[in-house]
Protein backbone atom coordinates (compact mmCIF):
# COMPACT_ATOMS: atom_id res chain seq x y z
CA UNK A 1 0.00 0.00 0.00
CA UNK A 2 2.82 2.36 0.88
CA UNK A 3 4.46 1.54 -2.46
CA UNK A 4 1.32 2.65 -4.32
CA UNK A 5 1.28 6.00 -2.54
CA UNK A 6 4.99 6.59 -3.19
CA UNK A 7 4.56 5.81 -6.88
CA UNK A 8 1.57 8.14 -7.10
CA UNK A 9 3.46 11.00 -5.47
CA UNK A 10 6.45 10.45 -7.74
CA UNK A 11 4.23 10.61 -10.79
CA UNK A 12 2.56 13.82 -9.64
CA UNK A 13 5.79 15.58 -8.61
CA UNK A 14 7.60 14.63 -11.82
CA UNK A 15 4.74 15.88 -13.97
CA UNK A 16 4.55 19.07 -11.94
CA UNK A 17 8.28 19.65 -12.48
CA UNK A 18 7.93 19.28 -16.23
CA UNK A 19 4.91 21.49 -16.74
CA UNK A 20 5.10 23.98 -13.89
CA UNK A 21 1.34 24.16 -13.79
CA UNK A 22 -1.18 22.48 -11.49
CA UNK A 23 -3.96 21.53 -13.91
CA UNK A 24 -1.91 19.62 -16.48
CA UNK A 25 -0.20 17.43 -13.88
CA UNK A 26 -3.57 16.54 -12.43
CA UNK A 27 -5.02 15.60 -15.80
CA UNK A 28 -1.88 13.67 -16.73
CA UNK A 29 -1.86 11.79 -13.46
CA UNK A 30 -5.46 10.81 -13.96
CA UNK A 31 -4.63 9.76 -17.51
CA UNK A 32 -1.90 7.41 -16.26
CA UNK A 33 -4.25 5.96 -13.64
CA UNK A 34 -2.45 7.44 -10.64
CA UNK A 35 -5.84 8.31 -9.23
CA UNK A 36 -6.75 4.64 -9.48
CA UNK A 37 -3.72 3.81 -7.35
CA UNK A 38 -4.88 6.22 -4.66
CA UNK A 39 -8.37 4.74 -4.76
CA UNK A 40 -6.86 1.26 -4.45
CA UNK A 41 -4.79 2.40 -1.49
CA UNK A 42 -7.79 3.91 0.26
CA UNK A 43 -9.78 0.77 -0.49
CA UNK A 44 -7.11 -1.38 1.13
CA UNK A 45 -7.19 0.81 4.22
CA UNK A 46 -10.97 0.67 4.35
CA UNK A 47 -11.09 -3.11 4.29
CA UNK A 48 -8.03 -3.78 6.42
CA UNK A 49 -8.78 -1.43 9.34
CA UNK A 50 -10.51 -3.38 12.09
CA UNK A 51 -13.64 -2.17 13.80
CA UNK A 52 -11.78 -1.84 17.10
CA UNK A 53 -9.15 0.41 15.53
CA UNK A 54 -11.80 2.73 14.13
CA UNK A 55 -13.54 2.82 17.51
CA UNK A 56 -10.27 3.73 19.21
CA UNK A 57 -9.54 6.56 16.77
CA UNK A 58 -13.05 7.99 17.05
CA UNK A 59 -13.54 7.57 20.78
CA UNK A 60 -15.23 4.89 22.84
CA UNK A 61 -18.97 4.43 23.23
CA UNK A 62 -20.72 5.49 26.42
CA UNK A 63 -21.67 2.22 28.09
CA UNK A 64 -23.72 3.38 31.09
CA UNK A 65 -26.76 1.24 31.87
CA UNK A 66 -29.20 4.08 32.67
CA UNK A 67 -32.80 3.58 31.54
CA UNK A 68 -34.95 6.54 30.44
CA UNK A 69 -38.27 4.77 30.89
CA UNK A 70 -40.88 7.41 31.74
CA UNK A 71 -38.59 10.28 30.69
CA UNK A 72 -39.16 12.75 27.86
CA UNK A 73 -36.18 13.85 25.77
CA UNK A 74 -36.38 16.81 23.36
CA UNK A 75 -33.64 16.87 20.72
CA UNK A 76 -33.12 19.69 18.21
CA UNK A 77 -31.60 18.92 14.83
CA UNK A 78 -32.64 15.29 15.30
CA UNK A 79 -33.11 14.40 11.64
CA UNK A 80 -29.42 14.05 10.82
CA UNK A 81 -25.88 13.73 12.16
CA UNK A 82 -25.21 13.88 15.90
CA UNK A 83 -28.81 14.75 16.76
CA UNK A 84 -30.11 11.69 14.93
CA UNK A 85 -27.65 9.36 16.65
CA UNK A 86 -28.52 10.85 20.04
CA UNK A 87 -32.24 10.34 19.36
CA UNK A 88 -31.66 6.71 18.42
CA UNK A 89 -29.71 6.06 21.62
CA UNK A 90 -32.35 7.72 23.80
CA UNK A 91 -35.09 5.69 22.11
CA UNK A 92 -33.13 2.48 22.74
CA UNK A 93 -33.16 3.44 26.41
CA UNK A 94 -36.97 3.65 26.31
CA UNK A 95 -37.27 7.44 26.44
CA UNK A 96 -40.17 9.34 24.92
CA UNK A 97 -38.23 11.21 22.24
CA UNK A 98 -39.44 14.49 20.75
CA UNK A 99 -37.49 15.25 17.59
CA UNK A 100 -37.42 19.01 16.97
CA UNK A 101 -36.45 19.47 13.32
CA UNK A 102 -36.66 22.16 10.70
CA UNK A 103 -37.13 19.60 7.91
CA UNK A 104 -40.35 17.72 8.72
CA UNK A 105 -40.01 15.46 5.68
CA UNK A 106 -36.87 13.97 7.21
CA UNK A 107 -38.33 13.96 10.69
CA UNK A 108 -41.71 12.27 10.21
CA UNK A 109 -42.23 9.99 12.42
CA UNK A 110 -40.29 20.02 30.93
CA UNK A 111 -40.33 19.23 33.92
CA UNK A 112 -37.71 18.86 36.71
CA UNK A 113 -35.52 17.02 37.22
CA UNK A 114 -34.17 17.40 33.71
CA UNK A 115 -30.97 18.22 31.86
CA UNK A 116 -30.29 20.71 29.09
CA UNK A 117 -27.32 19.84 26.86
CA UNK A 118 -26.00 22.44 24.40
CA UNK A 119 -23.68 21.30 21.62
CA UNK A 120 -20.74 23.70 21.49
CA UNK A 121 -17.27 23.06 20.08
CA UNK A 122 -13.58 23.43 20.82
CA UNK A 123 -13.80 26.13 18.14
CA UNK A 124 -15.09 28.43 20.89
CA UNK A 125 -11.44 28.76 21.98
CA UNK A 126 -10.75 31.07 19.04
CA UNK A 127 -14.06 32.85 19.19
CA UNK A 128 -15.01 36.32 20.41
CA UNK A 129 -18.36 38.08 20.66
CA UNK A 130 -18.58 41.06 18.33
CA UNK A 131 -21.44 42.94 19.97
CA UNK A 132 -21.26 45.68 17.35
CA UNK A 133 -21.97 43.19 14.54
CA UNK A 134 -23.46 40.03 16.07
CA UNK A 135 -25.02 38.81 12.83
CA UNK A 136 -22.00 39.56 10.67
CA UNK A 137 -23.93 42.05 8.57
CA UNK A 138 -20.89 44.30 8.17
CA UNK A 139 -18.14 41.72 7.98
CA UNK A 140 -18.91 38.01 7.64
CA UNK A 141 -16.46 35.13 7.72
CA UNK A 142 -17.56 31.49 7.93
CA UNK A 143 -14.89 30.43 10.41
CA UNK A 144 -15.25 33.42 12.71
CA UNK A 145 -19.05 33.21 12.67
CA UNK A 146 -18.88 29.55 13.66
CA UNK A 147 -16.39 30.20 16.47
CA UNK A 148 -18.51 33.09 17.77
CA UNK A 149 -21.66 30.93 17.77
CA UNK A 150 -19.92 28.15 19.72
CA UNK A 151 -18.63 30.65 22.27
CA UNK A 152 -22.17 32.02 22.56
CA UNK A 153 -23.39 28.47 23.23
CA UNK A 154 -21.16 28.24 26.30
CA UNK A 155 -21.97 31.74 27.55
CA UNK A 156 -25.67 30.90 27.23
CA UNK A 157 -25.16 27.56 29.01
CA UNK A 158 -23.41 29.15 31.97
CA UNK A 159 -25.92 31.98 32.28
CA UNK A 160 -28.83 29.54 32.05
CA UNK A 161 -27.25 27.31 34.69
CA UNK A 162 -27.06 30.29 37.04
CA UNK A 163 -30.68 31.24 36.41
CA UNK A 164 -31.88 27.63 36.94
CA UNK A 165 -29.92 27.05 40.13
CA UNK A 166 -32.03 25.24 42.71
CA UNK A 167 -34.79 24.25 40.24
CA UNK A 168 -33.58 20.71 39.58
CA UNK A 169 -32.86 21.56 35.95
CA UNK A 170 -29.20 21.57 34.89
CA UNK A 171 -27.52 23.16 31.89
CA UNK A 172 -24.24 21.94 30.41
CA UNK A 173 -22.36 22.24 27.13
CA UNK A 174 -20.36 19.65 25.24
CA UNK A 175 -17.77 19.38 22.46
CA UNK A 176 -18.68 16.35 20.28
CA UNK A 177 -15.29 16.16 18.60
CA UNK A 178 -14.47 16.82 14.96
CA UNK A 179 -17.30 14.92 13.32
CA UNK A 180 -17.89 14.03 9.67
CA UNK A 181 -21.41 15.39 9.15
CA UNK A 182 -23.06 17.62 6.55
CA UNK A 183 -22.60 20.75 8.68
CA UNK A 184 -20.12 22.08 6.13
CA UNK A 185 -22.27 21.35 3.10
CA UNK A 186 -22.47 25.03 2.17
CA UNK A 187 -18.75 25.72 2.53
CA UNK A 188 -16.63 26.28 -0.55
CA UNK A 189 -14.42 23.23 0.00
CA UNK A 190 -17.40 20.94 -0.58
CA UNK A 191 -17.68 22.30 -4.11
CA UNK A 192 -14.02 21.61 -4.85
CA UNK A 193 -13.55 18.49 -6.98
CA UNK A 194 -9.86 18.48 -6.10
CA UNK A 195 -10.74 18.21 -2.40
CA UNK A 196 -13.26 15.45 -3.15
CA UNK A 197 -10.60 13.44 -4.98
CA UNK A 198 -7.60 13.90 -2.72
CA UNK A 199 -8.88 15.00 0.70
CA UNK A 200 -12.27 13.50 1.43
CA UNK A 201 -11.27 9.81 0.98
CA UNK A 202 -8.75 10.20 3.80
CA UNK A 203 -10.80 12.35 6.18
CA UNK A 204 -12.65 9.40 7.66
CA UNK A 205 -9.37 8.23 9.22
CA UNK A 206 -9.23 11.32 11.41
CA UNK A 207 -12.85 12.38 11.91
CA UNK A 208 -15.48 10.87 14.16
CA UNK A 209 -18.65 9.32 12.81
CA UNK A 210 -21.95 10.91 13.90
CA UNK A 211 -22.51 7.97 16.28
CA UNK A 212 -19.12 8.56 17.88
CA UNK A 213 -19.77 12.29 18.03
CA UNK A 214 -23.01 11.70 19.93
CA UNK A 215 -21.34 9.87 22.83
CA UNK A 216 -20.49 12.93 24.95
CA UNK A 217 -24.04 14.24 24.54
CA UNK A 218 -25.36 10.87 25.68
CA UNK A 219 -22.91 10.80 28.58
CA UNK A 220 -23.93 14.29 29.76
CA UNK A 221 -27.61 13.40 29.48
CA UNK A 222 -27.43 10.04 31.26
CA UNK A 223 -24.51 9.72 33.65
CA UNK A 224 -25.85 9.54 37.20
CA UNK A 225 -22.76 11.29 38.59
CA UNK A 226 -23.79 14.47 36.72
CA UNK A 227 -27.25 14.68 38.27
CA UNK A 228 -26.52 17.97 40.05
CA UNK A 229 -23.69 19.22 37.82
CA UNK A 230 -24.51 22.41 35.94
CA UNK A 231 -22.73 25.16 34.00
CA UNK A 232 -19.92 22.85 32.88
CA UNK A 233 -18.32 21.93 29.56
CA UNK A 234 -17.51 18.34 28.55
CA UNK A 235 -15.36 16.74 25.87
CA UNK A 236 -14.68 13.02 25.32
CA UNK A 237 -17.01 12.17 28.20
CA UNK A 238 -15.02 14.24 30.71
CA UNK A 239 -15.15 17.79 32.05
CA UNK A 240 -12.91 20.16 30.08
CA UNK A 241 -11.63 23.71 30.40
CA UNK A 242 -13.21 26.60 28.55
CA UNK A 243 -11.57 29.72 27.16
CA UNK A 244 -11.19 32.90 29.16
CA UNK A 245 -13.81 34.55 26.94
CA UNK A 246 -16.29 31.80 27.84
CA UNK A 247 -15.94 32.75 31.52
CA UNK A 248 -16.93 36.38 30.96
CA UNK A 249 -20.08 36.75 33.10
CA UNK A 250 -20.74 40.30 31.92
CA UNK A 251 -20.67 39.18 28.28
CA UNK A 252 -23.00 36.28 29.09
CA UNK A 253 -25.55 38.58 30.73
CA UNK A 254 -25.33 41.11 27.90
CA UNK A 255 -25.80 38.39 25.28
CA UNK A 256 -28.78 37.03 27.24
CA UNK A 257 -30.41 40.47 27.34
CA UNK A 258 -29.91 40.97 23.59
CA UNK A 259 -31.36 37.51 22.90
CA UNK A 260 -34.43 38.26 25.00
CA UNK A 261 -34.93 41.51 23.08
CA UNK A 262 -34.49 39.92 19.65
CA UNK A 263 -36.85 37.05 20.44
CA UNK A 264 -39.50 39.38 21.84
CA UNK A 265 -39.36 37.96 25.37
CA UNK A 266 -38.86 41.41 26.87
């Protein structure tokens, strides 16, 4: 397998040296079936990797024995990806699952004590709240908007936890991991045929599946040791640190007030 990759790279580099342009080498490599060698290599990896190895790379499954019989679970975004896997797991544990989805075609088919789990991301570490342009109307960037939204998730979680203290309802946030879902379907890279040929076939080696990405959500929702834990952030089924910006109580309260105003609650 390694030989195939080496030969492919040699072919590409040599053609690049001769032409000095990126398109011709690509076409020439395809012409001489170098792409077929890469596909063969990826195929070998796909069939030779054991299930246990994939599980180890993506993270272990939450194996708690908690039953949700008599409980109601509301899951947003439950028609696909992490939300769908979480809904399946909750149903297997005999919960009454309410799937809150925007796409009803895909989706057909609160009282204390309860737990609220917000899906954030490690991307919050590079985020900041731009109160002068929260919606990115003046200056929008995909990456920065995503990081800001994930930081807002944690600020909301911590503020909500404070407001719900003593009610029996907890509020926590989680990082699911870097998961291969359709969340980036509108990003430019998904329209790049070069990325589809060279990058996407290898991504599955490093990214979690939606089922693996759902495990920390399931852990936070079920683990009996977290019954009274609130305002925390979890990753890989363990409590994790948040950024300094995520600990800004003044920003959390300001964001809450703006949200109440925008949603007409005040």
